[in-house]
Amino acid sequence: MGLFNRSEKTTKTVEVATEPTSTFVSDISGDYAIDPTHTRLGFSARHAMVTKVRGQFDEFEGTAHVDTVTPANSTVNVTIQAASVTTGNEQRDGHLKTPDFFDVENYPTITFISTKVERDGSEWGVTGDLTINGVTKPVTIEFEETGSAKDLYGNTRIGFEGDTTIDRTEWNLSFNAALETGGVLVSEKVKLEFDISAIAQVPVQA
């Protein structure tokens, strides 16, 4: 049924209730905290050379300082609980927590601390130190702004999407097994995927 119901004699307009529209934020500069309930920190890796396994971390916290005028002054700091890894398979998740991969008993957290931030319009490049299994290596993540708004509770929110690809063996995530037909069970290349929603911790000009 459409919004307009027509008959031979009358034309009737049906009013549809809508939620208030979002307010665009003109300058997103400020201090933010990641909203874990609306954020995904995920990854994907090819399995058996034929398909991809996707997963994510369910427990994490992070802060960011965003400076649109001087992007180099921006900072990002994220801490992830390694044991919160989930791929939708209990047996696989248990294996990921062992010393073959994340070794969560000895290295319970994964951290990212930015060292350099660049901006080109709505695109941001965030370089930082990624620490997994006690090994720290630099990575650069390309982000794109996905929006900014005042939500229904008066919070100023900003959104970013980003990704980067790493070689997991550089962080001692080296478990693998050879396949009879050639190749390996799990690819060394892992794509890290980020869908970020962050809430302003200080007033931001709308």
C-alpha atoms as a PDB file:
ATOM      1  CA  MET A   1       0.000   0.000   0.000  1.00  0.00           C
ATOM      2  CA  GLY A   2       1.403   3.413  -0.945  1.00  0.00           C
ATOM      3  CA  LEU A   3       1.306   6.687   0.938  1.00  0.00           C
ATOM      4  CA  PHE A   4      -1.550   7.844  -1.265  1.00  0.00           C
ATOM      5  CA  ASN A   5      -4.722   5.697  -1.435  1.00  0.00           C
ATOM      6  CA  ARG A   6      -6.845   6.505  -4.476  1.00  0.00           C
ATOM      7  CA  SER A   7     -10.459   5.575  -5.219  1.00  0.00           C
ATOM      8  CA  GLU A   8     -12.818   6.575  -7.993  1.00  0.00           C
ATOM      9  CA  LYS A   9     -14.447   9.300  -5.855  1.00  0.00           C
ATOM     10  CA  THR A  10     -11.793  10.635  -3.499  1.00  0.00           C
ATOM     11  CA  THR A  11      -8.074  11.013  -3.052  1.00  0.00           C
ATOM     12  CA  LYS A  12      -6.926  10.496   0.543  1.00  0.00           C
ATOM     13  CA  THR A  13      -3.534  11.485   1.918  1.00  0.00           C
ATOM     14  CA  VAL A  14      -2.197   9.315   4.713  1.00  0.00           C
ATOM     15  CA  GLU A  15       0.231  11.073   7.085  1.00  0.00           C
ATOM     16  CA  VAL A  16       3.199   8.998   8.158  1.00  0.00           C
ATOM     17  CA  ALA A  17       4.922   9.725  11.460  1.00  0.00           C
ATOM     18  CA  THR A  18       8.648  10.257  11.166  1.00  0.00           C
ATOM     19  CA  GLU A  19      11.417  10.689  13.690  1.00  0.00           C
ATOM     20  CA  PRO A  20      13.174  14.053  13.950  1.00  0.00           C
ATOM     21  CA  THR A  21      15.898  14.509  11.383  1.00  0.00           C
ATOM     22  CA  SER A  22      19.571  14.650  12.374  1.00  0.00           C
ATOM     23  CA  THR A  23      21.482  17.906  12.601  1.00  0.00           C
ATOM     24  CA  PHE A  24      24.707  18.115  10.633  1.00  0.00           C
ATOM     25  CA  VAL A  25      27.677  19.281  12.704  1.00  0.00           C
ATOM     26  CA  SER A  26      29.631  22.020  10.945  1.00  0.00           C
ATOM     27  CA  ASP A  27      32.937  21.374  12.726  1.00  0.00           C
ATOM     28  CA  ILE A  28      33.636  18.002  14.313  1.00  0.00           C
ATOM     29  CA  SER A  29      36.724  19.165  16.214  1.00  0.00           C
ATOM     30  CA  GLY A  30      36.728  18.004  19.829  1.00  0.00           C
ATOM     31  CA  ASP A  31      37.285  15.085  22.186  1.00  0.00           C
ATOM     32  CA  TYR A  32      35.369  11.846  21.653  1.00  0.00           C
ATOM     33  CA  ALA A  33      34.824   8.419  23.176  1.00  0.00           C
ATOM     34  CA  ILE A  34      34.053   5.404  21.002  1.00  0.00           C
ATOM     35  CA  ASP A  35      30.512   4.104  21.445  1.00  0.00           C
ATOM     36  CA  PRO A  36      31.015   0.315  21.645  1.00  0.00           C
ATOM     37  CA  THR A  37      27.328  -0.440  21.113  1.00  0.00           C
ATOM     38  CA  HIS A  38      27.384   1.189  17.669  1.00  0.00           C
ATOM     39  CA  THR A  39      30.960   0.388  16.634  1.00  0.00           C
ATOM     40  CA  ARG A  40      32.461  -2.667  14.950  1.00  0.00           C
ATOM     41  CA  LEU A  41      36.140  -3.557  15.140  1.00  0.00           C
ATOM     42  CA  GLY A  42      36.350  -6.483  12.762  1.00  0.00           C
ATOM     43  CA  PHE A  43      38.620  -8.540  10.552  1.00  0.00           C
ATOM     44  CA  SER A  44      38.487 -11.011   7.698  1.00  0.00           C
ATOM     45  CA  ALA A  45      40.933 -13.647   6.473  1.00  0.00           C
ATOM     46  CA  ARG A  46      40.785 -16.190   3.673  1.00  0.00           C
ATOM     47  CA  HIS A  47      40.247 -19.783   4.819  1.00  0.00           C
ATOM     48  CA  ALA A  48      41.436 -22.842   2.868  1.00  0.00           C
ATOM     49  CA  MET A  49      42.180 -20.555  -0.090  1.00  0.00           C
ATOM     50  CA  VAL A  50      38.505 -20.470  -1.103  1.00  0.00           C
ATOM     51  CA  THR A  51      36.418 -18.347   1.250  1.00  0.00           C
ATOM     52  CA  LYS A  52      36.663 -15.703   3.967  1.00  0.00           C
ATOM     53  CA  VAL A  53      36.135 -16.015   7.696  1.00  0.00           C
ATOM     54  CA  ARG A  54      34.922 -12.827   9.353  1.00  0.00           C
ATOM     55  CA  GLY A  55      35.131 -11.901  13.002  1.00  0.00           C
ATOM     56  CA  GLN A  56      35.205  -9.033  15.435  1.00  0.00           C
ATOM     57  CA  PHE A  57      36.042  -7.998  18.980  1.00  0.00           C
ATOM     58  CA  ASP A  58      33.115  -7.323  21.304  1.00  0.00           C
ATOM     59  CA  GLU A  59      34.901  -5.576  24.187  1.00  0.00           C
ATOM     60  CA  PHE A  60      36.966  -2.442  23.653  1.00  0.00           C
ATOM     61  CA  GLU A  61      37.273   1.208  24.566  1.00  0.00           C
ATOM     62  CA  GLY A  62      38.842   4.155  22.840  1.00  0.00           C
ATOM     63  CA  THR A  63      39.204   7.905  22.718  1.00  0.00           C
ATOM     64  CA  ALA A  64      40.025  10.375  19.991  1.00  0.00           C
ATOM     65  CA  HIS A  65      40.897  14.033  19.748  1.00  0.00           C
ATOM     66  CA  VAL A  66      39.816  15.443  16.386  1.00  0.00           C
ATOM     67  CA  ASP A  67      41.319  18.686  15.086  1.00  0.00           C
ATOM     68  CA  THR A  68      39.999  19.604  11.642  1.00  0.00           C
ATOM     69  CA  VAL A  69      42.077  22.788  11.405  1.00  0.00           C
ATOM     70  CA  THR A  70      45.378  21.149  12.330  1.00  0.00           C
ATOM     71  CA  PRO A  71      44.850  17.416  11.697  1.00  0.00           C
ATOM     72  CA  ALA A  72      48.363  16.595  12.928  1.00  0.00           C
ATOM     73  CA  ASN A  73      47.164  17.497  16.434  1.00  0.00           C
ATOM     74  CA  SER A  74      44.525  14.736  16.278  1.00  0.00           C
ATOM     75  CA  THR A  75      45.058  11.556  18.310  1.00  0.00           C
ATOM     76  CA  VAL A  76      43.510   8.084  18.632  1.00  0.00           C
ATOM     77  CA  ASN A  77      43.920   5.562  21.439  1.00  0.00           C
ATOM     78  CA  VAL A  78      42.152   2.173  21.457  1.00  0.00           C
ATOM     79  CA  THR A  79      42.346  -0.823  23.813  1.00  0.00           C
ATOM     80  CA  ILE A  80      40.746  -4.153  22.845  1.00  0.00           C
ATOM     81  CA  GLN A  81      40.157  -7.169  25.081  1.00  0.00           C
ATOM     82  CA  ALA A  82      41.673  -9.994  23.044  1.00  0.00           C
ATOM     83  CA  ALA A  83      39.498 -12.657  24.698  1.00  0.00           C
ATOM     84  CA  SER A  84      36.388 -10.987  23.294  1.00  0.00           C
ATOM     85  CA  VAL A  85      37.207 -12.224  19.785  1.00  0.00           C
ATOM     86  CA  THR A  86      34.251 -13.889  18.086  1.00  0.00           C
ATOM     87  CA  THR A  87      33.776 -15.455  14.651  1.00  0.00           C
ATOM     88  CA  GLY A  88      30.475 -17.236  15.143  1.00  0.00           C
ATOM     89  CA  ASN A  89      32.135 -20.582  15.847  1.00  0.00           C
ATOM     90  CA  GLU A  90      32.898 -21.554  19.439  1.00  0.00           C
ATOM     91  CA  GLN A  91      35.662 -24.026  18.587  1.00  0.00           C
ATOM     92  CA  ARG A  92      37.431 -21.568  16.292  1.00  0.00           C
ATOM     93  CA  ASP A  93      37.089 -18.766  18.844  1.00  0.00           C
ATOM     94  CA  GLY A  94      38.678 -20.984  21.487  1.00  0.00           C
ATOM     95  CA  HIS A  95      41.612 -21.707  19.172  1.00  0.00           C
ATOM     96  CA  LEU A  96      42.114 -17.992  18.475  1.00  0.00           C
ATOM     97  CA  LYS A  97      42.591 -17.388  22.210  1.00  0.00           C
ATOM     98  CA  THR A  98      45.457 -19.896  22.497  1.00  0.00           C
ATOM     99  CA  PRO A  99      49.197 -19.212  21.996  1.00  0.00           C
ATOM    100  CA  ASP A 100      48.719 -20.219  18.334  1.00  0.00           C
ATOM    101  CA  PHE A 101      47.122 -16.816  17.863  1.00  0.00           C
ATOM    102  CA  PHE A 102      46.281 -14.158  20.484  1.00  0.00           C
ATOM    103  CA  ASP A 103      47.592 -15.955  23.599  1.00  0.00           C
ATOM    104  CA  VAL A 104      45.071 -14.076  25.733  1.00  0.00           C
ATOM    105  CA  GLU A 105      46.395 -15.343  29.070  1.00  0.00           C
ATOM    106  CA  ASN A 106      49.768 -13.698  28.505  1.00  0.00           C
ATOM    107  CA  TYR A 107      48.625 -10.801  26.317  1.00  0.00           C
ATOM    108  CA  PRO A 108      45.078  -9.893  27.329  1.00  0.00           C
ATOM    109  CA  THR A 109      44.892  -6.616  25.399  1.00  0.00           C
ATOM    110  CA  ILE A 110      45.462  -5.356  21.884  1.00  0.00           C
ATOM    111  CA  THR A 111      46.286  -1.656  21.647  1.00  0.00           C
ATOM    112  CA  PHE A 112      46.534   1.023  18.983  1.00  0.00           C
ATOM    113  CA  ILE A 113      48.125   4.398  19.711  1.00  0.00           C
ATOM    114  CA  SER A 114      48.305   6.941  16.919  1.00  0.00           C
ATOM    115  CA  THR A 115      51.586   8.589  16.008  1.00  0.00           C
ATOM    116  CA  LYS A 116      50.516  10.591  12.948  1.00  0.00           C
ATOM    117  CA  VAL A 117      47.216  11.868  11.565  1.00  0.00           C
ATOM    118  CA  GLU A 118      46.633  13.395   8.121  1.00  0.00           C
ATOM    119  CA  ARG A 119      43.499  14.726   6.447  1.00  0.00           C
ATOM    120  CA  ASP A 120      42.359  15.368   2.882  1.00  0.00           C
ATOM    121  CA  GLY A 121      38.785  16.599   2.930  1.00  0.00           C
ATOM    122  CA  SER A 122      36.603  13.817   4.338  1.00  0.00           C
ATOM    123  CA  GLU A 123      39.443  11.289   4.148  1.00  0.00           C
ATOM    124  CA  TRP A 124      41.817  10.718   7.050  1.00  0.00           C
ATOM    125  CA  GLY A 125      45.005   8.694   7.334  1.00  0.00           C
ATOM    126  CA  VAL A 126      45.804   7.496  10.852  1.00  0.00           C
ATOM    127  CA  THR A 127      49.225   5.947  11.450  1.00  0.00           C
ATOM    128  CA  GLY A 128      49.978   4.350  14.788  1.00  0.00           C
ATOM    129  CA  ASP A 129      51.546   1.576  16.813  1.00  0.00           C
ATOM    130  CA  LEU A 130      49.520  -1.642  16.829  1.00  0.00           C
ATOM    131  CA  THR A 131      50.477  -4.009  19.654  1.00  0.00           C
ATOM    132  CA  ILE A 132      49.435  -7.678  19.546  1.00  0.00           C
ATOM    133  CA  ASN A 133      51.086 -10.510  21.495  1.00  0.00           C
ATOM    134  CA  GLY A 134      53.515  -7.991  22.953  1.00  0.00           C
ATOM    135  CA  VAL A 135      54.770  -7.102  19.454  1.00  0.00           C
ATOM    136  CA  THR A 136      54.441  -3.490  18.322  1.00  0.00           C
ATOM    137  CA  LYS A 137      54.431  -2.571  14.623  1.00  0.00           C
ATOM    138  CA  PRO A 138      53.337   0.592  12.777  1.00  0.00           C
ATOM    139  CA  VAL A 139      50.198   0.482  10.623  1.00  0.00           C
ATOM    140  CA  THR A 140      48.309   3.105   8.643  1.00  0.00           C
ATOM    141  CA  ILE A 141      44.523   3.024   8.470  1.00  0.00           C
ATOM    142  CA  GLU A 142      42.620   4.974   5.826  1.00  0.00           C
ATOM    143  CA  PHE A 143      39.343   6.386   7.172  1.00  0.00           C
ATOM    144  CA  GLU A 144      36.443   8.197   5.546  1.00  0.00           C
ATOM    145  CA  GLU A 145      33.975  10.390   7.426  1.00  0.00           C
ATOM    146  CA  THR A 146      30.514   8.858   7.198  1.00  0.00           C
ATOM    147  CA  GLY A 147      28.556  11.582   8.949  1.00  0.00           C
ATOM    148  CA  SER A 148      27.994  13.746  11.983  1.00  0.00           C
ATOM    149  CA  ALA A 149      24.807  14.472  13.892  1.00  0.00           C
ATOM    150  CA  LYS A 150      23.050  15.400  17.097  1.00  0.00           C
ATOM    151  CA  ASP A 151      21.255  12.236  18.168  1.00  0.00           C
ATOM    152  CA  LEU A 152      17.873  12.002  19.904  1.00  0.00           C
ATOM    153  CA  TYR A 153      19.565  12.244  23.309  1.00  0.00           C
ATOM    154  CA  GLY A 154      21.468  15.422  22.504  1.00  0.00           C
ATOM    155  CA  ASN A 155      24.803  13.689  21.951  1.00  0.00           C
ATOM    156  CA  THR A 156      27.074  14.883  19.168  1.00  0.00           C
ATOM    157  CA  ARG A 157      28.113  11.843  17.145  1.00  0.00           C
ATOM    158  CA  ILE A 158      30.630  11.351  14.371  1.00  0.00           C
ATOM    159  CA  GLY A 159      31.128   8.319  12.173  1.00  0.00           C
ATOM    160  CA  PHE A 160      34.108   6.883  10.311  1.00  0.00           C
ATOM    161  CA  GLU A 161      34.719   3.793   8.183  1.00  0.00           C
ATOM    162  CA  GLY A 162      38.186   2.456   7.520  1.00  0.00           C
ATOM    163  CA  ASP A 163      40.323  -0.556   6.803  1.00  0.00           C
ATOM    164  CA  THR A 164      43.871  -1.762   6.331  1.00  0.00           C
ATOM    165  CA  THR A 165      45.558  -5.076   5.542  1.00  0.00           C
ATOM    166  CA  ILE A 166      48.322  -6.545   7.673  1.00  0.00           C
ATOM    167  CA  ASP A 167      50.559  -9.609   7.623  1.00  0.00           C
ATOM    168  CA  ARG A 168      49.550 -11.405  10.822  1.00  0.00           C
ATOM    169  CA  THR A 169      52.864 -13.265  11.082  1.00  0.00           C
ATOM    170  CA  GLU A 170      54.588  -9.967  11.914  1.00  0.00           C
ATOM    171  CA  TRP A 171      52.720 -10.066  15.253  1.00  0.00           C
ATOM    172  CA  ASN A 172      53.524 -13.749  15.923  1.00  0.00           C
ATOM    173  CA  LEU A 173      50.091 -14.893  14.760  1.00  0.00           C
ATOM    174  CA  SER A 174      51.850 -17.573  12.800  1.00  0.00           C
ATOM    175  CA  PHE A 175      49.766 -20.765  13.105  1.00  0.00           C
ATOM    176  CA  ASN A 176      49.013 -22.470   9.793  1.00  0.00           C
ATOM    177  CA  ALA A 177      48.657 -25.821   8.091  1.00  0.00           C
ATOM    178  CA  ALA A 178      49.476 -26.881   4.543  1.00  0.00           C
ATOM    179  CA  LEU A 179      46.680 -28.134   2.295  1.00  0.00           C
ATOM    180  CA  GLU A 180      47.026 -31.307   0.232  1.00  0.00           C
ATOM    181  CA  THR A 181      46.065 -29.371  -2.888  1.00  0.00           C
ATOM    182  CA  GLY A 182      48.585 -26.623  -2.203  1.00  0.00           C
ATOM    183  CA  GLY A 183      48.357 -23.400  -0.267  1.00  0.00           C
ATOM    184  CA  VAL A 184      47.638 -22.982   3.423  1.00  0.00           C
ATOM    185  CA  LEU A 185      44.665 -23.229   5.758  1.00  0.00           C
ATOM    186  CA  VAL A 186      44.644 -19.555   6.835  1.00  0.00           C
ATOM    187  CA  SER A 187      45.959 -16.645   4.798  1.00  0.00           C
ATOM    188  CA  GLU A 188      48.745 -14.575   6.293  1.00  0.00           C
ATOM    189  CA  LYS A 189      47.056 -11.403   5.038  1.00  0.00           C
ATOM    190  CA  VAL A 190      44.281 -10.180   7.320  1.00  0.00           C
ATOM    191  CA  LYS A 191      42.005  -7.254   6.546  1.00  0.00           C
ATOM    192  CA  LEU A 192      41.136  -5.079   9.545  1.00  0.00           C
ATOM    193  CA  GLU A 193      37.746  -3.371   9.263  1.00  0.00           C
ATOM    194  CA  PHE A 194      36.448  -0.438  11.284  1.00  0.00           C
ATOM    195  CA  ASP A 195      32.965   1.074  11.549  1.00  0.00           C
ATOM    196  CA  ILE A 196      33.260   3.770  14.194  1.00  0.00           C
ATOM    197  CA  SER A 197      30.645   5.773  16.049  1.00  0.00           C
ATOM    198  CA  ALA A 198      32.045   8.203  18.607  1.00  0.00           C
ATOM    199  CA  ILE A 199      30.348  10.553  21.067  1.00  0.00           C
ATOM    200  CA  ALA A 200      31.658  14.027  21.860  1.00  0.00           C
ATOM    201  CA  GLN A 201      32.879  14.474  25.427  1.00  0.00           C
ATOM    202  CA  VAL A 202      32.824  18.277  25.257  1.00  0.00           C
ATOM    203  CA  PRO A 203      30.421  20.631  23.481  1.00  0.00           C
ATOM    204  CA  VAL A 204      30.861  20.739  19.695  1.00  0.00           C
ATOM    205  CA  GLN A 205      29.537  23.612  17.599  1.00  0.00           C
ATOM    206  CA  ALA A 206      26.503  22.522  15.576  1.00  0.00           C
END
